[in-house]
N, C-alpha and C. Protein backbone atom coordinates (compact mmCIF):
# COMPACT_ATOMS: atom_id res chain seq x y z
N MET A 1 109.91 112.90 132.86
CA MET A 1 109.34 111.71 131.92
C MET A 1 110.77 110.98 131.32
N ASN A 2 110.59 109.69 131.73
CA ASN A 2 111.63 108.81 131.08
C ASN A 2 111.34 108.44 129.61
N PRO A 3 112.57 108.08 128.99
CA PRO A 3 112.20 107.85 127.51
C PRO A 3 111.19 106.78 127.14
N TRP A 4 111.00 105.89 127.89
CA TRP A 4 109.99 104.89 127.33
C TRP A 4 108.54 105.75 127.77
N ASP A 5 108.25 106.33 128.71
CA ASP A 5 107.16 106.93 128.85
C ASP A 5 106.97 108.10 127.72
N GLY A 6 107.95 108.65 127.34
CA GLY A 6 107.53 109.59 126.19
C GLY A 6 107.56 108.98 124.84
N LEU A 7 108.03 107.78 124.64
CA LEU A 7 107.87 106.85 123.48
C LEU A 7 106.27 106.32 123.42
N LEU A 8 106.07 105.96 124.61
CA LEU A 8 104.57 105.29 124.81
C LEU A 8 103.42 106.40 124.37
N TYR A 9 103.76 107.50 125.03
CA TYR A 9 102.90 108.67 124.75
C TYR A 9 102.83 109.06 123.47
N GLY A 10 103.84 109.14 122.58
CA GLY A 10 104.02 109.64 121.09
C GLY A 10 103.22 108.64 120.55
N LEU A 11 103.17 107.22 120.85
CA LEU A 11 102.76 106.15 120.00
C LEU A 11 101.28 106.27 120.23
N SER A 12 100.70 106.48 121.51
CA SER A 12 99.18 106.80 121.81
C SER A 12 98.74 107.88 120.99
N VAL A 13 99.36 108.97 120.78
CA VAL A 13 98.78 110.04 120.01
C VAL A 13 98.92 109.68 118.59
N ALA A 14 100.10 108.83 117.96
CA ALA A 14 100.05 108.55 116.62
C ALA A 14 99.10 107.59 116.15
N PHE A 15 98.70 106.62 117.12
CA PHE A 15 97.81 105.56 116.60
C PHE A 15 96.29 105.91 116.81
N THR A 16 95.96 107.15 116.40
CA THR A 16 94.56 107.35 116.22
C THR A 16 94.29 107.25 114.70
N VAL A 17 93.02 107.25 114.66
CA VAL A 17 92.50 106.91 113.05
C VAL A 17 93.09 108.04 112.20
N GLU A 18 92.90 109.37 112.42
CA GLU A 18 93.18 110.41 111.70
C GLU A 18 94.69 110.46 111.49
N HIS A 19 95.43 110.36 112.51
CA HIS A 19 96.94 110.35 112.35
C HIS A 19 97.44 109.16 111.42
N LEU A 20 96.81 107.95 111.55
CA LEU A 20 97.17 106.70 110.86
C LEU A 20 96.90 106.90 109.28
N ILE A 21 95.66 107.60 109.07
CA ILE A 21 95.40 108.01 107.76
C ILE A 21 96.42 108.74 107.10
N ALA A 22 96.77 109.93 108.03
CA ALA A 22 97.83 111.05 107.53
C ALA A 22 98.91 110.22 107.15
N ALA A 23 99.60 109.26 108.08
CA ALA A 23 100.75 108.60 107.83
C ALA A 23 100.73 107.81 106.47
N LEU A 24 99.33 107.19 106.35
CA LEU A 24 99.39 106.23 105.05
C LEU A 24 99.42 107.25 103.70
N VAL A 25 98.60 108.47 103.84
CA VAL A 25 98.74 109.24 102.66
C VAL A 25 100.19 109.75 102.43
N GLY A 26 100.85 110.29 103.43
CA GLY A 26 102.19 110.46 103.41
C GLY A 26 103.20 109.51 102.88
N ALA A 27 102.92 108.49 103.34
CA ALA A 27 103.98 107.30 102.85
C ALA A 27 103.46 106.99 101.29
N LEU A 28 102.37 107.00 100.95
CA LEU A 28 101.91 106.65 99.65
C LEU A 28 102.33 107.82 98.75
N LEU A 29 102.19 109.23 98.97
CA LEU A 29 102.83 110.30 98.21
C LEU A 29 104.35 110.35 98.25
N GLY A 30 105.08 109.82 99.38
CA GLY A 30 106.47 109.94 99.34
C GLY A 30 106.91 108.70 98.48
N THR A 31 106.23 107.72 98.62
CA THR A 31 106.73 106.37 97.66
C THR A 31 106.68 106.74 96.06
N VAL A 32 105.62 107.47 95.78
CA VAL A 32 105.30 107.98 94.53
C VAL A 32 106.56 108.98 94.02
N MET A 33 106.82 109.80 94.97
CA MET A 33 107.96 110.74 94.64
C MET A 33 109.34 109.97 94.73
N GLY A 34 109.54 109.07 95.61
CA GLY A 34 110.65 108.36 95.55
C GLY A 34 111.11 107.62 94.23
N LEU A 35 109.98 107.54 93.40
CA LEU A 35 110.21 106.55 92.26
C LEU A 35 110.91 107.53 91.29
N VAL A 36 110.82 108.71 91.29
CA VAL A 36 111.39 109.81 90.32
C VAL A 36 112.99 109.81 90.98
N PRO A 37 113.89 109.37 89.99
CA PRO A 37 115.22 109.25 90.08
C PRO A 37 115.84 110.73 90.49
N GLY A 38 116.68 110.89 91.28
CA GLY A 38 117.12 112.19 91.58
C GLY A 38 116.67 113.04 92.74
N ILE A 39 115.31 112.60 93.05
CA ILE A 39 114.68 113.01 94.05
C ILE A 39 115.09 112.54 95.52
N GLY A 40 115.74 112.85 96.45
CA GLY A 40 116.09 112.38 97.64
C GLY A 40 115.08 112.72 98.56
N PRO A 41 115.28 112.26 99.83
CA PRO A 41 114.06 112.47 100.84
C PRO A 41 113.93 113.95 101.21
N VAL A 42 115.12 114.53 101.29
CA VAL A 42 115.05 116.09 101.86
C VAL A 42 114.08 116.79 100.68
N SER A 43 114.68 116.63 99.45
CA SER A 43 114.19 117.64 98.45
C SER A 43 112.65 117.13 98.19
N GLY A 44 112.40 115.78 98.31
CA GLY A 44 111.07 115.26 97.97
C GLY A 44 110.26 115.74 99.08
N ALA A 45 110.42 115.61 100.12
CA ALA A 45 109.77 116.17 101.40
C ALA A 45 109.43 117.72 101.33
N ALA A 46 110.53 118.44 100.80
CA ALA A 46 110.45 119.93 100.60
C ALA A 46 109.42 120.34 99.42
N ILE A 47 109.32 119.42 98.50
CA ILE A 47 108.56 119.56 97.29
C ILE A 47 107.03 119.28 97.76
N LEU A 48 106.95 118.37 98.61
CA LEU A 48 105.45 118.08 98.88
C LEU A 48 104.94 118.92 100.28
N LEU A 49 105.97 119.53 100.75
CA LEU A 49 105.62 120.28 101.92
C LEU A 49 104.22 121.28 101.84
N PRO A 50 104.17 122.04 100.84
CA PRO A 50 102.87 122.90 100.89
C PRO A 50 101.37 122.02 100.79
N LEU A 51 101.47 120.83 100.66
CA LEU A 51 100.44 119.90 100.78
C LEU A 51 99.92 119.80 102.26
N THR A 52 100.92 119.92 103.17
CA THR A 52 100.67 119.91 104.62
C THR A 52 100.06 121.16 105.22
N TYR A 53 100.07 122.13 104.57
CA TYR A 53 99.48 123.36 105.18
C TYR A 53 98.19 123.51 105.50
N VAL A 54 97.34 122.52 104.93
CA VAL A 54 95.88 122.51 105.30
C VAL A 54 95.62 121.68 106.40
N PHE A 55 96.50 120.91 107.12
CA PHE A 55 96.47 120.16 108.33
C PHE A 55 96.81 120.89 109.45
N ASP A 56 96.43 120.33 110.99
CA ASP A 56 97.08 121.00 112.01
C ASP A 56 98.43 120.42 112.04
N PRO A 57 99.25 121.27 112.96
CA PRO A 57 100.56 121.03 113.04
C PRO A 57 101.31 119.56 113.35
N LEU A 58 100.47 118.78 114.27
CA LEU A 58 100.82 117.44 114.53
C LEU A 58 100.55 116.51 113.32
N THR A 59 99.46 116.86 112.79
CA THR A 59 99.06 116.04 111.48
C THR A 59 100.06 116.23 110.41
N GLY A 60 100.41 117.46 110.29
CA GLY A 60 101.34 117.81 109.28
C GLY A 60 102.62 117.27 109.35
N MET A 61 103.11 117.08 110.64
CA MET A 61 104.40 116.34 110.88
C MET A 61 104.43 115.04 110.64
N ILE A 62 103.07 114.40 110.91
CA ILE A 62 103.00 112.95 110.49
C ILE A 62 103.14 112.80 109.15
N VAL A 63 102.29 113.64 108.36
CA VAL A 63 102.41 113.58 107.01
C VAL A 63 103.79 113.55 106.33
N ILE A 64 104.57 114.53 106.96
CA ILE A 64 105.81 114.86 106.36
C ILE A 64 106.80 113.61 106.75
N ALA A 65 106.75 113.05 107.96
CA ALA A 65 107.47 111.91 108.43
C ALA A 65 107.17 110.77 107.35
N GLY A 66 105.89 110.57 107.20
CA GLY A 66 105.40 109.64 106.27
C GLY A 66 105.99 109.75 105.06
N MET A 67 105.85 110.99 104.39
CA MET A 67 106.70 111.35 103.15
C MET A 67 108.06 110.96 103.04
N PHE A 68 108.60 111.28 104.23
CA PHE A 68 110.31 111.01 104.25
C PHE A 68 110.53 109.71 104.16
N TYR A 69 109.77 108.74 105.06
CA TYR A 69 109.99 107.38 104.92
C TYR A 69 109.73 106.73 103.79
N GLY A 70 108.29 107.24 103.15
CA GLY A 70 107.96 106.76 101.84
C GLY A 70 109.34 106.80 100.58
N ILE A 71 109.55 108.28 100.72
CA ILE A 71 110.58 108.47 99.55
C ILE A 71 111.92 107.77 99.95
N MET A 72 112.12 107.50 101.13
CA MET A 72 113.53 106.70 101.50
C MET A 72 113.38 105.28 100.71
N TYR A 73 112.06 104.74 100.98
CA TYR A 73 111.79 103.44 100.44
C TYR A 73 111.56 103.37 98.81
N GLY A 74 110.90 104.45 98.22
CA GLY A 74 110.53 104.44 96.88
C GLY A 74 111.68 104.47 96.05
N GLY A 75 112.83 105.19 96.62
CA GLY A 75 114.05 105.11 95.89
C GLY A 75 114.71 103.92 95.56
N SER A 76 114.40 102.96 96.44
CA SER A 76 115.04 101.51 96.26
C SER A 76 114.19 100.74 95.16
N THR A 77 112.90 101.20 94.70
CA THR A 77 112.19 100.50 93.86
C THR A 77 112.84 100.68 92.43
N THR A 78 113.38 101.98 92.05
CA THR A 78 113.97 102.06 90.80
C THR A 78 115.25 101.58 90.82
N SER A 79 115.89 101.39 91.89
CA SER A 79 117.11 100.86 92.06
C SER A 79 117.25 99.47 91.87
N VAL A 80 115.94 98.79 92.17
CA VAL A 80 116.07 97.28 92.22
C VAL A 80 115.51 96.85 90.92
N LEU A 81 114.69 97.67 90.09
CA LEU A 81 114.04 97.17 88.98
C LEU A 81 114.57 97.74 87.88
N LEU A 82 115.23 98.80 87.83
CA LEU A 82 115.97 99.53 86.66
C LEU A 82 117.35 99.81 86.90
N ASN A 83 118.05 99.39 87.91
CA ASN A 83 119.40 99.75 88.46
C ASN A 83 119.83 101.23 88.14
N ILE A 84 118.78 102.08 88.72
CA ILE A 84 118.90 103.44 88.43
C ILE A 84 118.83 104.02 90.08
N PRO A 85 119.71 104.13 90.92
CA PRO A 85 119.51 104.53 92.13
C PRO A 85 119.16 106.14 92.12
N GLY A 86 118.30 106.46 92.67
CA GLY A 86 117.80 107.91 92.61
C GLY A 86 118.51 108.67 93.65
N ASP A 87 119.07 108.08 94.88
CA ASP A 87 119.76 108.97 95.77
C ASP A 87 120.82 107.83 96.51
N ALA A 88 121.45 108.47 97.38
CA ALA A 88 122.78 107.58 97.93
C ALA A 88 122.09 106.44 98.72
N PRO A 89 121.30 106.37 99.51
CA PRO A 89 120.99 105.23 100.17
C PRO A 89 120.30 104.20 99.18
N SER A 90 119.76 104.42 98.04
CA SER A 90 119.54 103.53 97.34
C SER A 90 120.45 102.68 96.41
N VAL A 91 121.78 103.07 96.32
CA VAL A 91 122.87 102.62 95.62
C VAL A 91 123.12 101.13 96.17
N VAL A 92 122.95 100.90 97.48
CA VAL A 92 123.31 99.54 97.88
C VAL A 92 122.28 98.59 97.60
N SER A 93 120.95 99.11 97.36
CA SER A 93 119.90 98.04 96.79
C SER A 93 120.10 97.72 95.34
N ALA A 94 120.75 98.35 94.75
CA ALA A 94 121.12 98.30 93.31
C ALA A 94 122.25 96.79 93.12
N PHE A 95 123.15 96.71 94.11
CA PHE A 95 124.03 95.94 94.36
C PHE A 95 123.60 94.52 94.38
N GLU A 96 122.48 94.10 95.18
CA GLU A 96 122.06 92.83 95.20
C GLU A 96 120.56 92.70 94.56
N GLY A 97 119.83 93.88 94.55
CA GLY A 97 118.48 93.85 94.16
C GLY A 97 118.31 93.83 92.55
N TYR A 98 119.20 94.55 91.87
CA TYR A 98 118.97 94.52 90.36
C TYR A 98 119.31 93.05 89.79
N PRO A 99 120.36 92.30 90.35
CA PRO A 99 120.58 90.91 90.02
C PRO A 99 119.53 89.99 90.09
N LEU A 100 118.88 90.10 91.48
CA LEU A 100 117.74 89.48 91.69
C LEU A 100 116.61 89.70 90.75
N ALA A 101 116.27 91.05 90.31
CA ALA A 101 115.18 91.45 89.57
C ALA A 101 115.52 90.51 88.09
N GLN A 102 116.79 90.79 87.74
CA GLN A 102 116.98 90.14 86.37
C GLN A 102 116.80 88.70 86.59
N SER A 103 117.09 88.00 87.47
CA SER A 103 116.88 86.56 87.56
C SER A 103 115.29 86.19 87.97
N GLY A 104 114.63 87.15 87.83
CA GLY A 104 113.07 86.88 87.85
C GLY A 104 112.62 86.91 89.33
N ARG A 105 113.44 87.50 90.36
CA ARG A 105 112.98 87.64 91.69
C ARG A 105 112.82 89.03 92.08
N ALA A 106 112.27 89.79 91.37
CA ALA A 106 112.05 91.12 91.67
C ALA A 106 111.03 91.46 92.95
N GLY A 107 110.01 90.60 93.08
CA GLY A 107 109.18 90.71 94.13
C GLY A 107 109.76 90.32 95.42
N PRO A 108 110.45 89.39 95.55
CA PRO A 108 111.18 89.03 96.99
C PRO A 108 112.37 90.21 97.19
N ALA A 109 113.05 90.57 96.08
CA ALA A 109 113.90 91.76 96.26
C ALA A 109 113.14 93.05 96.87
N LEU A 110 112.16 93.45 96.48
CA LEU A 110 111.29 94.62 96.75
C LEU A 110 110.99 94.33 98.15
N GLY A 111 110.49 93.08 98.32
CA GLY A 111 109.84 92.64 99.83
C GLY A 111 110.96 92.82 100.81
N ILE A 112 112.18 92.43 100.51
CA ILE A 112 113.36 92.25 101.52
C ILE A 112 113.62 93.94 101.62
N THR A 113 113.69 94.82 100.87
CA THR A 113 114.08 96.23 100.76
C THR A 113 112.85 96.84 101.77
N ALA A 114 111.60 96.49 101.58
CA ALA A 114 110.57 97.00 102.51
C ALA A 114 110.87 96.43 103.90
N ILE A 115 111.05 95.38 103.99
CA ILE A 115 111.06 94.93 105.39
C ILE A 115 112.29 95.54 106.14
N ALA A 116 113.51 95.51 105.28
CA ALA A 116 114.83 96.12 105.73
C ALA A 116 114.54 97.60 106.30
N SER A 117 113.76 98.43 105.18
CA SER A 117 113.54 99.77 105.55
C SER A 117 112.68 100.04 106.98
N PHE A 118 111.63 99.09 106.96
CA PHE A 118 110.90 99.16 108.42
C PHE A 118 111.68 98.85 109.52
N ILE A 119 112.47 97.89 109.53
CA ILE A 119 113.40 97.59 110.59
C ILE A 119 114.15 98.58 110.90
N GLY A 120 115.01 99.00 109.78
CA GLY A 120 115.76 100.12 110.31
C GLY A 120 115.33 101.49 110.63
N GLY A 121 114.18 101.86 110.09
CA GLY A 121 113.26 103.17 110.51
C GLY A 121 112.87 102.84 112.00
N THR A 122 112.38 101.76 112.10
CA THR A 122 111.78 101.62 113.65
C THR A 122 112.90 101.49 114.75
N GLY A 123 113.76 100.91 114.38
CA GLY A 123 115.20 100.76 115.34
C GLY A 123 115.79 102.18 115.61
N SER A 124 115.92 102.93 114.31
CA SER A 124 116.27 104.38 114.27
C SER A 124 115.65 105.16 115.40
N VAL A 125 114.42 105.18 115.27
CA VAL A 125 113.44 105.84 116.06
C VAL A 125 113.50 105.57 117.45
N ILE A 126 113.70 104.30 117.75
CA ILE A 126 113.74 103.74 119.21
C ILE A 126 115.00 104.27 119.73
N VAL A 127 116.06 104.12 119.07
CA VAL A 127 117.58 104.53 119.58
C VAL A 127 117.41 105.96 119.71
N LEU A 128 116.82 106.73 118.85
CA LEU A 128 116.98 108.37 118.86
C LEU A 128 116.10 108.57 120.11
N SER A 129 114.93 108.03 120.45
CA SER A 129 114.29 108.44 121.61
C SER A 129 115.01 108.06 122.74
N MET A 130 115.80 107.10 123.00
CA MET A 130 116.63 106.75 124.09
C MET A 130 117.90 107.76 124.38
N VAL A 131 118.29 108.17 123.13
CA VAL A 131 119.72 108.76 123.22
C VAL A 131 119.60 110.17 123.33
N ALA A 132 118.44 110.82 122.75
CA ALA A 132 118.30 112.06 122.64
C ALA A 132 118.47 113.28 123.92
N ALA A 133 117.90 112.53 124.92
CA ALA A 133 118.01 113.38 126.30
C ALA A 133 119.44 113.59 126.96
N PRO A 134 120.08 112.44 126.80
CA PRO A 134 121.28 112.60 127.31
C PRO A 134 122.42 113.31 126.22
N VAL A 135 121.93 113.28 125.07
CA VAL A 135 122.88 114.20 124.09
C VAL A 135 122.50 115.68 124.28
N ALA A 136 121.22 115.92 124.52
CA ALA A 136 120.97 117.23 124.67
C ALA A 136 121.49 117.77 125.90
N GLN A 137 121.49 117.01 126.97
CA GLN A 137 122.29 117.43 128.17
C GLN A 137 123.82 117.63 127.90
N VAL A 138 124.37 117.01 127.28
CA VAL A 138 125.65 117.31 126.87
C VAL A 138 125.82 118.47 126.14
N ALA A 139 124.82 118.73 125.07
CA ALA A 139 124.90 119.87 124.16
C ALA A 139 124.83 121.10 125.03
N ILE A 140 124.11 121.15 126.12
CA ILE A 140 123.57 122.32 126.89
C ILE A 140 125.11 122.73 127.64
N VAL A 141 126.06 121.91 127.90
CA VAL A 141 127.20 122.36 128.46
C VAL A 141 128.13 122.96 127.54
N PHE A 142 127.83 123.04 126.19
CA PHE A 142 128.76 123.54 125.30
C PHE A 142 128.90 125.01 125.54
N GLY A 143 130.01 125.69 125.37
CA GLY A 143 130.22 127.06 125.73
C GLY A 143 130.66 127.61 124.23
N SER A 144 131.09 128.82 124.37
CA SER A 144 131.73 129.51 123.37
C SER A 144 133.03 128.92 122.73
N ALA A 145 133.93 128.27 123.41
CA ALA A 145 135.03 127.67 122.86
C ALA A 145 134.72 126.56 122.09
N GLU A 146 133.69 125.67 122.38
CA GLU A 146 133.23 124.66 121.62
C GLU A 146 132.78 124.94 120.08
N TYR A 147 132.00 126.13 120.20
CA TYR A 147 131.50 126.55 118.92
C TYR A 147 132.64 126.88 117.95
């Protein structure tokens, strides 16, 4: 199976009503968790992990992925509005977003961070799906000397 077939199969599985609702719930919970300064994506997803035990494994993974992306975006909200970056990726949003918020353009600043977060997340998933198989083939060749 080539990477494009795998990506299309994954999208066909993810774009069911049940999984889209699960992704939406995960993203909303993650965005709320991301508003808490100091809670990064890994710790936030770990805190919300017990909520996924009631789902089947695929739906649980989709909820966790939605939480992760929601937490990544939610951290930029406090960064833009309050100049309090909650985690390392949100620091960059504070450089330009907070001055925009002070000048009365908080809405466009938050919109720009949302669009940039979407583009970056989507692009990274596509690149990862294309590069994962060749990198795995190289990793299989590793022996005891490389460890």
